Amino acid sequence: MQACFSELKFEWPRSDAHRTGVKYGIEFPEGRLTNLRFADDVILVAQQRSDIRKMLLDLRQTATKYGLKIHMGKTKVMTWNALVNGSSHVALGDDFVEILDECQAERYLGRSLCFADSQEAEFRDRVVVGWASFHQHKGELCNKFDRLAVHATLVDSVVTSTVLYGSAAWGLTQGLEKKLTTVRRRMLRYVFRIHRKRAEAGGELEDWVQYVQSSAHRVDELSLSLGMTGWIKAYRIQKWRFAGELARRTDSRWSQQAVKWKPNCGFGRAQGAPRTGWENQLVTFDGGNWMALALDVDTWTASEDIFATWIF
């Protein structure tokens, strides 16, 4: 793949030289982003439907020289409805690449990507795989013959790590953070075997609302006594450390450039309040100059726990 894109790195700029207006990929201060790749998993970036077709054709032709083929069944085009113009696919000779609706999600490197609401789509996906991991190990997680400390370690190992995979790139709203806490408490109710009580033998079960409230307090007390870290705190710590490393990079990698990138094309912002972005919490926490603060490693490290427990 490296050899393929080494050729395309020169092919696409040559094609751009004969065009005016929109170019291949997206313009950044340090260069033009046309693709992201990890081994054989590739994302192509374009601003026009005709460009993505040309880029796919070029990639297929170049890959053929090295004995590689594009898997058309796994290749998808993600865009906004405003750019689809009623088309459901992109034709590449006898092959067709499906164009997804903006509300449809597609997985890439374990992350769920969606244009309509990327953060909520990824959040829902992580919760689903978290529950899948929980049920896969439910026999061990809820074994009444094991000590709670063993259960706590197992939860952090097989469930927490699954749910918080890639959480350093999240930009959760207060509502999503609350949902994340609710999911954790619900799982731990099973793990700690906290059941609804009866007023007396054979009597009615306690009120559901009262049970949920009391069990939430009990779960929080037990998890704290067992040294477990809440998912919100764990997510924010990962994000804080990732942000610090990102700000201190000197190689101008794409992840760092993307944080600073300001879109200069498109159809404008939709009506209503802007969506919560990845750096919103960082900006709110330090007043908007978090990248400068991150350069002071000692101060940044000392502020980690404060950020993790901050009420936004």
C-alpha atoms as a PDB file:
ATOM      1  CA  MET A   1       0.000   0.000   0.000  1.00  0.00           C
ATOM      2  CA  GLN A   2       2.884   2.321   0.703  1.00  0.00           C
ATOM      3  CA  ALA A   3       4.151   1.848  -2.855  1.00  0.00           C
ATOM      4  CA  CYS A   4       0.660   2.530  -4.262  1.00  0.00           C
ATOM      5  CA  PHE A   5       0.234   5.797  -2.435  1.00  0.00           C
ATOM      6  CA  SER A   6       3.794   6.840  -3.155  1.00  0.00           C
ATOM      7  CA  GLU A   7       2.765   6.879  -6.828  1.00  0.00           C
ATOM      8  CA  LEU A   8      -0.599   8.539  -6.168  1.00  0.00           C
ATOM      9  CA  LYS A   9       1.101  11.192  -4.045  1.00  0.00           C
ATOM     10  CA  PHE A  10       2.500  12.597  -7.292  1.00  0.00           C
ATOM     11  CA  GLU A  11      -0.405  11.661  -9.584  1.00  0.00           C
ATOM     12  CA  TRP A  12      -3.133  13.644  -7.819  1.00  0.00           C
ATOM     13  CA  PRO A  13      -1.157  16.912  -7.527  1.00  0.00           C
ATOM     14  CA  ARG A  14      -0.384  16.664 -11.265  1.00  0.00           C
ATOM     15  CA  SER A  15      -4.102  16.372 -11.974  1.00  0.00           C
ATOM     16  CA  ASP A  16      -4.811  19.293  -9.639  1.00  0.00           C
ATOM     17  CA  ALA A  17      -2.387  21.486 -11.571  1.00  0.00           C
ATOM     18  CA  HIS A  18      -4.784  21.515 -14.528  1.00  0.00           C
ATOM     19  CA  ARG A  19      -7.859  22.407 -12.437  1.00  0.00           C
ATOM     20  CA  THR A  20      -9.200  25.545 -10.822  1.00  0.00           C
ATOM     21  CA  GLY A  21     -11.366  25.756  -7.718  1.00  0.00           C
ATOM     22  CA  VAL A  22     -11.851  22.602  -5.620  1.00  0.00           C
ATOM     23  CA  LYS A  23      -8.835  20.304  -5.443  1.00  0.00           C
ATOM     24  CA  TYR A  24      -8.378  16.693  -4.344  1.00  0.00           C
ATOM     25  CA  GLY A  25      -8.591  16.189  -0.576  1.00  0.00           C
ATOM     26  CA  ILE A  26      -8.725  18.965   2.025  1.00  0.00           C
ATOM     27  CA  GLU A  27      -6.259  21.828   2.339  1.00  0.00           C
ATOM     28  CA  PHE A  28      -4.342  22.146   5.620  1.00  0.00           C
ATOM     29  CA  PRO A  29      -1.644  24.680   6.508  1.00  0.00           C
ATOM     30  CA  GLU A  30       1.001  21.952   6.338  1.00  0.00           C
ATOM     31  CA  GLY A  31      -0.270  20.229   3.186  1.00  0.00           C
ATOM     32  CA  ARG A  32      -3.233  18.512   1.563  1.00  0.00           C
ATOM     33  CA  LEU A  33      -4.950  15.515   3.144  1.00  0.00           C
ATOM     34  CA  THR A  34      -6.092  13.029   0.493  1.00  0.00           C
ATOM     35  CA  ASN A  35      -6.045   9.767   2.424  1.00  0.00           C
ATOM     36  CA  LEU A  36      -5.724   8.066   5.788  1.00  0.00           C
ATOM     37  CA  ARG A  37      -4.504   4.501   5.956  1.00  0.00           C
ATOM     38  CA  PHE A  38      -3.607   1.807   8.419  1.00  0.00           C
ATOM     39  CA  ALA A  39      -2.139  -1.285   6.739  1.00  0.00           C
ATOM     40  CA  ASP A  40      -4.751  -2.120   4.070  1.00  0.00           C
ATOM     41  CA  ASP A  41      -7.601  -0.082   5.616  1.00  0.00           C
ATOM     42  CA  VAL A  42      -7.870   3.169   3.665  1.00  0.00           C
ATOM     43  CA  ILE A  43      -9.978   6.336   3.760  1.00  0.00           C
ATOM     44  CA  LEU A  44      -9.945   8.600   0.706  1.00  0.00           C
ATOM     45  CA  VAL A  45     -10.873  12.255   1.236  1.00  0.00           C
ATOM     46  CA  ALA A  46     -12.594  14.278  -1.487  1.00  0.00           C
ATOM     47  CA  GLN A  47     -14.936  17.251  -1.778  1.00  0.00           C
ATOM     48  CA  GLN A  48     -16.690  16.266  -5.016  1.00  0.00           C
ATOM     49  CA  ARG A  49     -18.376  13.076  -6.186  1.00  0.00           C
ATOM     50  CA  SER A  50     -16.374  13.140  -9.407  1.00  0.00           C
ATOM     51  CA  ASP A  51     -13.153  13.364  -7.385  1.00  0.00           C
ATOM     52  CA  ILE A  52     -13.888  10.310  -5.276  1.00  0.00           C
ATOM     53  CA  ARG A  53     -14.664   8.348  -8.439  1.00  0.00           C
ATOM     54  CA  LYS A  54     -11.383   9.412 -10.026  1.00  0.00           C
ATOM     55  CA  MET A  55      -9.430   8.643  -6.854  1.00  0.00           C
ATOM     56  CA  LEU A  56     -10.977   5.171  -6.586  1.00  0.00           C
ATOM     57  CA  LEU A  57     -10.186   4.446 -10.223  1.00  0.00           C
ATOM     58  CA  ASP A  58      -6.610   5.624  -9.768  1.00  0.00           C
ATOM     59  CA  LEU A  59      -6.200   3.537  -6.630  1.00  0.00           C
ATOM     60  CA  ARG A  60      -7.616   0.428  -8.302  1.00  0.00           C
ATOM     61  CA  GLN A  61      -5.376   0.841 -11.317  1.00  0.00           C
ATOM     62  CA  THR A  62      -2.260   1.458  -9.226  1.00  0.00           C
ATOM     63  CA  ALA A  63      -3.018  -1.370  -6.775  1.00  0.00           C
ATOM     64  CA  THR A  64      -3.369  -3.824  -9.678  1.00  0.00           C
ATOM     65  CA  LYS A  65       0.304  -3.282 -10.540  1.00  0.00           C
ATOM     66  CA  TYR A  66       1.222  -4.714  -7.118  1.00  0.00           C
ATOM     67  CA  GLY A  67      -1.231  -7.615  -7.201  1.00  0.00           C
ATOM     68  CA  LEU A  68      -3.764  -5.937  -4.921  1.00  0.00           C
ATOM     69  CA  LYS A  69      -7.522  -5.544  -5.382  1.00  0.00           C
ATOM     70  CA  ILE A  70     -10.115  -3.239  -3.847  1.00  0.00           C
ATOM     71  CA  HIS A  71     -12.857  -5.136  -1.981  1.00  0.00           C
ATOM     72  CA  MET A  72     -15.928  -3.499  -3.529  1.00  0.00           C
ATOM     73  CA  GLY A  73     -18.254  -5.082  -0.991  1.00  0.00           C
ATOM     74  CA  LYS A  74     -16.491  -3.294   1.863  1.00  0.00           C
ATOM     75  CA  THR A  75     -15.914  -0.002   0.038  1.00  0.00           C
ATOM     76  CA  LYS A  76     -18.461   2.711   0.896  1.00  0.00           C
ATOM     77  CA  VAL A  77     -18.887   6.416   0.172  1.00  0.00           C
ATOM     78  CA  MET A  78     -19.891   8.567   3.136  1.00  0.00           C
ATOM     79  CA  THR A  79     -21.273  12.034   2.497  1.00  0.00           C
ATOM     80  CA  TRP A  80     -24.087  14.461   3.285  1.00  0.00           C
ATOM     81  CA  ASN A  81     -27.446  14.146   1.545  1.00  0.00           C
ATOM     82  CA  ALA A  82     -26.912  17.567  -0.011  1.00  0.00           C
ATOM     83  CA  LEU A  83     -24.012  16.131  -2.003  1.00  0.00           C
ATOM     84  CA  VAL A  84     -25.616  12.880  -3.158  1.00  0.00           C
ATOM     85  CA  ASN A  85     -27.934  14.420  -5.797  1.00  0.00           C
ATOM     86  CA  GLY A  86     -30.283  11.465  -5.639  1.00  0.00           C
ATOM     87  CA  SER A  87     -27.592   8.882  -6.456  1.00  0.00           C
ATOM     88  CA  SER A  88     -27.210   5.679  -4.455  1.00  0.00           C
ATOM     89  CA  HIS A  89     -23.861   4.594  -5.859  1.00  0.00           C
ATOM     90  CA  VAL A  90     -20.691   5.587  -7.669  1.00  0.00           C
ATOM     91  CA  ALA A  91     -20.001   3.630 -10.838  1.00  0.00           C
ATOM     92  CA  LEU A  92     -16.492   2.284 -11.421  1.00  0.00           C
ATOM     93  CA  GLY A  93     -16.826   0.537 -14.758  1.00  0.00           C
ATOM     94  CA  ASP A  94     -18.823  -2.623 -14.073  1.00  0.00           C
ATOM     95  CA  ASP A  95     -18.531  -2.179 -10.313  1.00  0.00           C
ATOM     96  CA  PHE A  96     -20.630   0.015  -8.045  1.00  0.00           C
ATOM     97  CA  VAL A  97     -19.709   1.619  -4.718  1.00  0.00           C
ATOM     98  CA  GLU A  98     -22.651   2.282  -2.395  1.00  0.00           C
ATOM     99  CA  ILE A  99     -23.253   5.829  -1.162  1.00  0.00           C
ATOM    100  CA  LEU A 100     -24.403   5.764   2.460  1.00  0.00           C
ATOM    101  CA  ASP A 101     -27.014   8.099   3.884  1.00  0.00           C
ATOM    102  CA  GLU A 102     -25.639  10.659   6.331  1.00  0.00           C
ATOM    103  CA  CYS A 103     -27.350   8.831   9.216  1.00  0.00           C
ATOM    104  CA  GLN A 104     -25.745   5.484   8.361  1.00  0.00           C
ATOM    105  CA  ALA A 105     -22.604   4.490  10.246  1.00  0.00           C
ATOM    106  CA  GLU A 106     -19.615   2.521   9.001  1.00  0.00           C
ATOM    107  CA  ARG A 107     -16.857   0.951  11.080  1.00  0.00           C
ATOM    108  CA  TYR A 108     -13.209   1.865  10.536  1.00  0.00           C
ATOM    109  CA  LEU A 109     -10.452   0.497  12.768  1.00  0.00           C
ATOM    110  CA  GLY A 110     -13.007  -0.418  15.418  1.00  0.00           C
ATOM    111  CA  ARG A 111     -14.625   3.027  15.447  1.00  0.00           C
ATOM    112  CA  SER A 112     -18.125   3.811  14.192  1.00  0.00           C
ATOM    113  CA  LEU A 113     -18.078   6.734  11.735  1.00  0.00           C
ATOM    114  CA  CYS A 114     -21.214   8.727  10.908  1.00  0.00           C
ATOM    115  CA  PHE A 115     -21.682  12.191   9.434  1.00  0.00           C
ATOM    116  CA  ALA A 116     -25.039  12.978  11.054  1.00  0.00           C
ATOM    117  CA  ASP A 117     -23.849  12.623  14.663  1.00  0.00           C
ATOM    118  CA  SER A 118     -20.444  10.997  14.901  1.00  0.00           C
ATOM    119  CA  GLN A 119     -20.109  11.196  18.685  1.00  0.00           C
ATOM    120  CA  GLU A 120     -23.479   9.658  19.498  1.00  0.00           C
ATOM    121  CA  ALA A 121     -23.044   6.946  16.847  1.00  0.00           C
ATOM    122  CA  GLU A 122     -19.682   5.965  18.315  1.00  0.00           C
ATOM    123  CA  PHE A 123     -21.077   6.140  21.864  1.00  0.00           C
ATOM    124  CA  ARG A 124     -23.964   3.795  21.009  1.00  0.00           C
ATOM    125  CA  ASP A 125     -21.569   1.395  19.317  1.00  0.00           C
ATOM    126  CA  ARG A 126     -19.218   1.271  22.317  1.00  0.00           C
ATOM    127  CA  VAL A 127     -22.140   0.623  24.677  1.00  0.00           C
ATOM    128  CA  VAL A 128     -23.350  -2.250  22.469  1.00  0.00           C
ATOM    129  CA  VAL A 129     -19.937  -3.926  22.323  1.00  0.00           C
ATOM    130  CA  GLY A 130     -19.536  -3.285  26.060  1.00  0.00           C
ATOM    131  CA  TRP A 131     -22.720  -5.204  26.810  1.00  0.00           C
ATOM    132  CA  ALA A 132     -21.601  -7.942  24.419  1.00  0.00           C
ATOM    133  CA  SER A 133     -18.358  -8.280  26.366  1.00  0.00           C
ATOM    134  CA  PHE A 134     -20.300  -8.269  29.642  1.00  0.00           C
ATOM    135  CA  HIS A 135     -22.633 -11.090  28.561  1.00  0.00           C
ATOM    136  CA  GLN A 136     -19.734 -13.083  27.128  1.00  0.00           C
ATOM    137  CA  HIS A 137     -18.091 -13.136  30.578  1.00  0.00           C
ATOM    138  CA  LYS A 138     -21.257 -12.939  32.676  1.00  0.00           C
ATOM    139  CA  GLY A 139     -20.649 -16.301  34.311  1.00  0.00           C
ATOM    140  CA  GLU A 140     -17.329 -15.124  35.748  1.00  0.00           C
ATOM    141  CA  LEU A 141     -18.427 -11.529  36.414  1.00  0.00           C
ATOM    142  CA  CYS A 142     -21.480 -12.534  38.449  1.00  0.00           C
ATOM    143  CA  ASN A 143     -20.110 -15.655  40.156  1.00  0.00           C
ATOM    144  CA  LYS A 144     -21.313 -15.416  43.743  1.00  0.00           C
ATOM    145  CA  PHE A 145     -18.466 -17.596  45.017  1.00  0.00           C
ATOM    146  CA  ASP A 146     -15.732 -15.115  44.023  1.00  0.00           C
ATOM    147  CA  ARG A 147     -14.683 -12.100  46.060  1.00  0.00           C
ATOM    148  CA  LEU A 148     -15.912  -8.683  44.883  1.00  0.00           C
ATOM    149  CA  ALA A 149     -12.311  -7.576  44.386  1.00  0.00           C
ATOM    150  CA  VAL A 150     -11.918 -10.289  41.739  1.00  0.00           C
ATOM    151  CA  HIS A 151     -15.104  -9.129  40.030  1.00  0.00           C
ATOM    152  CA  ALA A 152     -13.929  -5.519  40.062  1.00  0.00           C
ATOM    153  CA  THR A 153     -10.618  -6.428  38.419  1.00  0.00           C
ATOM    154  CA  LEU A 154     -12.389  -8.517  35.791  1.00  0.00           C
ATOM    155  CA  VAL A 155     -14.868  -5.722  34.988  1.00  0.00           C
ATOM    156  CA  ASP A 156     -12.050  -3.251  34.401  1.00  0.00           C
ATOM    157  CA  SER A 157     -10.146  -5.776  32.302  1.00  0.00           C
ATOM    158  CA  VAL A 158     -12.852  -7.043  29.937  1.00  0.00           C
ATOM    159  CA  VAL A 159     -15.668  -4.464  30.024  1.00  0.00           C
ATOM    160  CA  THR A 160     -14.188  -1.063  30.868  1.00  0.00           C
ATOM    161  CA  SER A 161     -11.374  -1.462  28.359  1.00  0.00           C
ATOM    162  CA  THR A 162     -13.921  -2.399  25.673  1.00  0.00           C
ATOM    163  CA  VAL A 163     -16.316   0.479  26.340  1.00  0.00           C
ATOM    164  CA  LEU A 164     -13.555   3.110  26.579  1.00  0.00           C
ATOM    165  CA  TYR A 165     -11.659   1.960  23.484  1.00  0.00           C
ATOM    166  CA  GLY A 166     -10.644   5.113  21.611  1.00  0.00           C
ATOM    167  CA  SER A 167     -12.337   7.352  24.196  1.00  0.00           C
ATOM    168  CA  ALA A 168      -9.473   9.847  23.995  1.00  0.00           C
ATOM    169  CA  ALA A 169     -11.070  11.013  20.749  1.00  0.00           C
ATOM    170  CA  TRP A 170     -14.560  11.429  22.230  1.00  0.00           C
ATOM    171  CA  GLY A 171     -16.343  14.725  22.722  1.00  0.00           C
ATOM    172  CA  LEU A 172     -19.221  13.727  24.989  1.00  0.00           C
ATOM    173  CA  THR A 173     -22.043  16.020  25.998  1.00  0.00           C
ATOM    174  CA  GLN A 174     -23.292  16.102  29.587  1.00  0.00           C
ATOM    175  CA  GLY A 175     -26.202  13.907  28.498  1.00  0.00           C
ATOM    176  CA  LEU A 176     -23.926  11.226  27.047  1.00  0.00           C
ATOM    177  CA  GLU A 177     -21.703  11.312  30.127  1.00  0.00           C
ATOM    178  CA  LYS A 178     -24.785  10.713  32.270  1.00  0.00           C
ATOM    179  CA  LYS A 179     -25.814   7.784  30.059  1.00  0.00           C
ATOM    180  CA  LEU A 180     -22.319   6.311  30.352  1.00  0.00           C
ATOM    181  CA  THR A 181     -22.554   6.420  34.140  1.00  0.00           C
ATOM    182  CA  THR A 182     -26.020   4.828  34.016  1.00  0.00           C
ATOM    183  CA  VAL A 183     -24.764   1.933  31.864  1.00  0.00           C
ATOM    184  CA  ARG A 184     -21.878   1.294  34.271  1.00  0.00           C
ATOM    185  CA  ARG A 185     -24.133   1.299  37.322  1.00  0.00           C
ATOM    186  CA  ARG A 186     -26.544  -1.091  35.638  1.00  0.00           C
ATOM    187  CA  MET A 187     -23.755  -3.549  34.866  1.00  0.00           C
ATOM    188  CA  LEU A 188     -22.323  -3.322  38.372  1.00  0.00           C
ATOM    189  CA  ARG A 189     -25.738  -4.013  39.896  1.00  0.00           C
ATOM    190  CA  TYR A 190     -25.507  -7.469  38.343  1.00  0.00           C
ATOM    191  CA  VAL A 191     -21.847  -7.910  39.272  1.00  0.00           C
ATOM    192  CA  PHE A 192     -22.369  -6.893  42.920  1.00  0.00           C
ATOM    193  CA  ARG A 193     -25.677  -8.809  43.054  1.00  0.00           C
ATOM    194  CA  ILE A 194     -27.730  -5.872  44.342  1.00  0.00           C
ATOM    195  CA  HIS A 195     -31.357  -6.977  44.132  1.00  0.00           C
ATOM    196  CA  ARG A 196     -34.678  -5.380  45.023  1.00  0.00           C
ATOM    197  CA  LYS A 197     -35.643  -6.012  48.618  1.00  0.00           C
ATOM    198  CA  ARG A 198     -38.956  -7.093  50.073  1.00  0.00           C
ATOM    199  CA  ALA A 199     -40.501  -5.311  53.001  1.00  0.00           C
ATOM    200  CA  GLU A 200     -41.140  -8.704  54.632  1.00  0.00           C
ATOM    201  CA  ALA A 201     -41.142 -12.349  53.664  1.00  0.00           C
ATOM    202  CA  GLY A 202     -43.628 -12.780  50.843  1.00  0.00           C
ATOM    203  CA  GLY A 203     -44.296  -9.044  50.724  1.00  0.00           C
ATOM    204  CA  GLU A 204     -44.067  -6.668  47.774  1.00  0.00           C
ATOM    205  CA  LEU A 205     -40.775  -5.624  46.261  1.00  0.00           C
ATOM    206  CA  GLU A 206     -39.495  -2.154  47.051  1.00  0.00           C
ATOM    207  CA  ASP A 207     -40.478   0.676  44.742  1.00  0.00           C
ATOM    208  CA  TRP A 208     -38.498   0.608  41.471  1.00  0.00           C
ATOM    209  CA  VAL A 209     -37.431   4.250  41.641  1.00  0.00           C
ATOM    210  CA  GLN A 210     -36.286   3.820  45.231  1.00  0.00           C
ATOM    211  CA  TYR A 211     -34.373   0.672  44.237  1.00  0.00           C
ATOM    212  CA  VAL A 212     -32.587   2.403  41.348  1.00  0.00           C
ATOM    213  CA  GLN A 213     -31.571   5.324  43.562  1.00  0.00           C
ATOM    214  CA  SER A 214     -30.396   3.196  46.483  1.00  0.00           C
ATOM    215  CA  SER A 215     -28.584   0.712  44.236  1.00  0.00           C
ATOM    216  CA  ALA A 216     -26.802   3.581  42.465  1.00  0.00           C
ATOM    217  CA  HIS A 217     -25.443   4.820  45.803  1.00  0.00           C
ATOM    218  CA  ARG A 218     -24.505   1.281  46.821  1.00  0.00           C
ATOM    219  CA  VAL A 219     -22.718   0.635  43.507  1.00  0.00           C
ATOM    220  CA  ASP A 220     -20.761   3.878  43.812  1.00  0.00           C
ATOM    221  CA  GLU A 221     -19.738   3.067  47.382  1.00  0.00           C
ATOM    222  CA  LEU A 222     -18.617  -0.463  46.546  1.00  0.00           C
ATOM    223  CA  SER A 223     -16.721   0.495  43.383  1.00  0.00           C
ATOM    224  CA  LEU A 224     -14.914   3.276  45.279  1.00  0.00           C
ATOM    225  CA  SER A 225     -13.973   0.963  48.143  1.00  0.00           C
ATOM    226  CA  LEU A 226     -12.628  -1.567  45.612  1.00  0.00           C
ATOM    227  CA  GLY A 227     -10.445   1.042  43.945  1.00  0.00           C
ATOM    228  CA  MET A 228     -12.395   1.123  40.670  1.00  0.00           C
ATOM    229  CA  THR A 229     -12.248   4.257  38.509  1.00  0.00           C
ATOM    230  CA  GLY A 230     -15.528   5.616  37.133  1.00  0.00           C
ATOM    231  CA  TRP A 231     -15.911   5.585  33.370  1.00  0.00           C
ATOM    232  CA  ILE A 232     -16.318   9.359  33.120  1.00  0.00           C
ATOM    233  CA  LYS A 233     -13.128   9.953  35.067  1.00  0.00           C
ATOM    234  CA  ALA A 234     -11.255   7.268  33.110  1.00  0.00           C
ATOM    235  CA  TYR A 235     -12.444   8.723  29.785  1.00  0.00           C
ATOM    236  CA  ARG A 236     -11.387  12.244  30.748  1.00  0.00           C
ATOM    237  CA  ILE A 237      -7.977  11.077  31.956  1.00  0.00           C
ATOM    238  CA  GLN A 238      -7.351   9.339  28.625  1.00  0.00           C
ATOM    239  CA  LYS A 239      -8.479  12.436  26.768  1.00  0.00           C
ATOM    240  CA  TRP A 240      -6.313  14.750  28.900  1.00  0.00           C
ATOM    241  CA  ARG A 241      -3.192  12.660  28.372  1.00  0.00           C
ATOM    242  CA  PHE A 242      -3.828  12.321  24.642  1.00  0.00           C
ATOM    243  CA  ALA A 243      -4.395  16.082  24.332  1.00  0.00           C
ATOM    244  CA  GLY A 244      -1.124  16.756  26.146  1.00  0.00           C
ATOM    245  CA  GLU A 245       0.838  14.443  23.859  1.00  0.00           C
ATOM    246  CA  LEU A 246      -0.887  15.944  20.821  1.00  0.00           C
ATOM    247  CA  ALA A 247      -0.039  19.531  21.794  1.00  0.00           C
ATOM    248  CA  ARG A 248       3.614  18.670  22.371  1.00  0.00           C
ATOM    249  CA  ARG A 249       4.093  16.967  18.989  1.00  0.00           C
ATOM    250  CA  THR A 250       6.622  18.586  16.689  1.00  0.00           C
ATOM    251  CA  ASP A 251       6.119  16.410  13.603  1.00  0.00           C
ATOM    252  CA  SER A 252       2.944  18.198  12.324  1.00  0.00           C
ATOM    253  CA  ARG A 253       1.031  14.932  12.095  1.00  0.00           C
ATOM    254  CA  TRP A 254      -2.534  14.992  10.755  1.00  0.00           C
ATOM    255  CA  SER A 255      -4.171  14.483  14.172  1.00  0.00           C
ATOM    256  CA  GLN A 256      -2.545  17.689  15.433  1.00  0.00           C
ATOM    257  CA  GLN A 257      -3.415  19.621  12.279  1.00  0.00           C
ATOM    258  CA  ALA A 258      -7.037  18.453  12.430  1.00  0.00           C
ATOM    259  CA  VAL A 259      -7.465  20.053  15.872  1.00  0.00           C
ATOM    260  CA  LYS A 260      -6.370  23.424  14.492  1.00  0.00           C
ATOM    261  CA  TRP A 261      -8.209  23.073  11.163  1.00  0.00           C
ATOM    262  CA  LYS A 262     -10.936  25.600  10.330  1.00  0.00           C
ATOM    263  CA  PRO A 263     -13.224  24.562   7.431  1.00  0.00           C
ATOM    264  CA  ASN A 264     -13.177  27.049   4.578  1.00  0.00           C
ATOM    265  CA  CYS A 265     -15.687  25.380   2.267  1.00  0.00           C
ATOM    266  CA  GLY A 266     -19.106  23.782   2.280  1.00  0.00           C
ATOM    267  CA  PHE A 267     -22.655  25.034   2.637  1.00  0.00           C
ATOM    268  CA  GLY A 268     -22.343  26.738   6.000  1.00  0.00           C
ATOM    269  CA  ARG A 269     -23.377  25.632   9.470  1.00  0.00           C
ATOM    270  CA  ALA A 270     -26.840  24.226  10.101  1.00  0.00           C
ATOM    271  CA  GLN A 271     -29.342  26.116  12.246  1.00  0.00           C
ATOM    272  CA  GLY A 272     -29.209  25.710  16.000  1.00  0.00           C
ATOM    273  CA  ALA A 273     -26.420  25.478  18.534  1.00  0.00           C
ATOM    274  CA  PRO A 274     -23.168  23.931  17.260  1.00  0.00           C
ATOM    275  CA  ARG A 275     -22.480  20.327  18.208  1.00  0.00           C
ATOM    276  CA  THR A 276     -20.131  19.555  21.059  1.00  0.00           C
ATOM    277  CA  GLY A 277     -16.634  19.238  19.628  1.00  0.00           C
ATOM    278  CA  TRP A 278     -13.655  17.243  20.818  1.00  0.00           C
ATOM    279  CA  GLU A 279     -11.872  20.214  22.431  1.00  0.00           C
ATOM    280  CA  ASN A 280     -14.918  21.926  23.977  1.00  0.00           C
ATOM    281  CA  GLN A 281     -14.217  20.615  27.476  1.00  0.00           C
ATOM    282  CA  LEU A 282     -10.528  21.476  27.175  1.00  0.00           C
ATOM    283  CA  VAL A 283     -11.325  25.033  26.081  1.00  0.00           C
ATOM    284  CA  THR A 284     -13.904  25.480  28.850  1.00  0.00           C
ATOM    285  CA  PHE A 285     -11.534  24.120  31.487  1.00  0.00           C
ATOM    286  CA  ASP A 286      -8.548  26.382  30.825  1.00  0.00           C
ATOM    287  CA  GLY A 287     -10.112  29.358  29.091  1.00  0.00           C
ATOM    288  CA  GLY A 288      -9.237  28.486  25.503  1.00  0.00           C
ATOM    289  CA  ASN A 289      -5.450  28.161  25.484  1.00  0.00           C
ATOM    290  CA  TRP A 290      -5.066  24.497  26.378  1.00  0.00           C
ATOM    291  CA  MET A 291      -2.330  23.781  23.813  1.00  0.00           C
ATOM    292  CA  ALA A 292      -0.068  26.397  25.407  1.00  0.00           C
ATOM    293  CA  LEU A 293      -0.811  25.003  28.867  1.00  0.00           C
ATOM    294  CA  ALA A 294       0.040  21.478  27.679  1.00  0.00           C
ATOM    295  CA  LEU A 295       3.592  22.547  26.852  1.00  0.00           C
ATOM    296  CA  ASP A 296       4.263  22.799  30.594  1.00  0.00           C
ATOM    297  CA  VAL A 297       4.350  19.080  31.389  1.00  0.00           C
ATOM    298  CA  ASP A 298       4.383  19.485  35.177  1.00  0.00           C
ATOM    299  CA  THR A 299       1.390  21.828  35.233  1.00  0.00           C
ATOM    300  CA  TRP A 300      -0.486  19.672  32.743  1.00  0.00           C
ATOM    301  CA  THR A 301       0.126  16.519  34.783  1.00  0.00           C
ATOM    302  CA  ALA A 302      -0.888  18.238  38.016  1.00  0.00           C
ATOM    303  CA  SER A 303      -4.150  19.409  36.419  1.00  0.00           C
ATOM    304  CA  GLU A 304      -5.165  15.933  35.247  1.00  0.00           C
ATOM    305  CA  ASP A 305      -7.219  14.917  38.278  1.00  0.00           C
ATOM    306  CA  ILE A 306      -8.906  18.329  38.449  1.00  0.00           C
ATOM    307  CA  PHE A 307     -10.012  18.030  34.819  1.00  0.00           C
ATOM    308  CA  ALA A 308     -11.192  14.450  35.360  1.00  0.00           C
ATOM    309  CA  THR A 309     -13.559  15.502  38.168  1.00  0.00           C
ATOM    310  CA  TRP A 310     -14.515  18.943  36.832  1.00  0.00           C
ATOM    311  CA  ILE A 311     -18.249  19.716  36.570  1.00  0.00           C
ATOM    312  CA  PHE A 312     -18.896  21.199  33.123  1.00  0.00           C
END
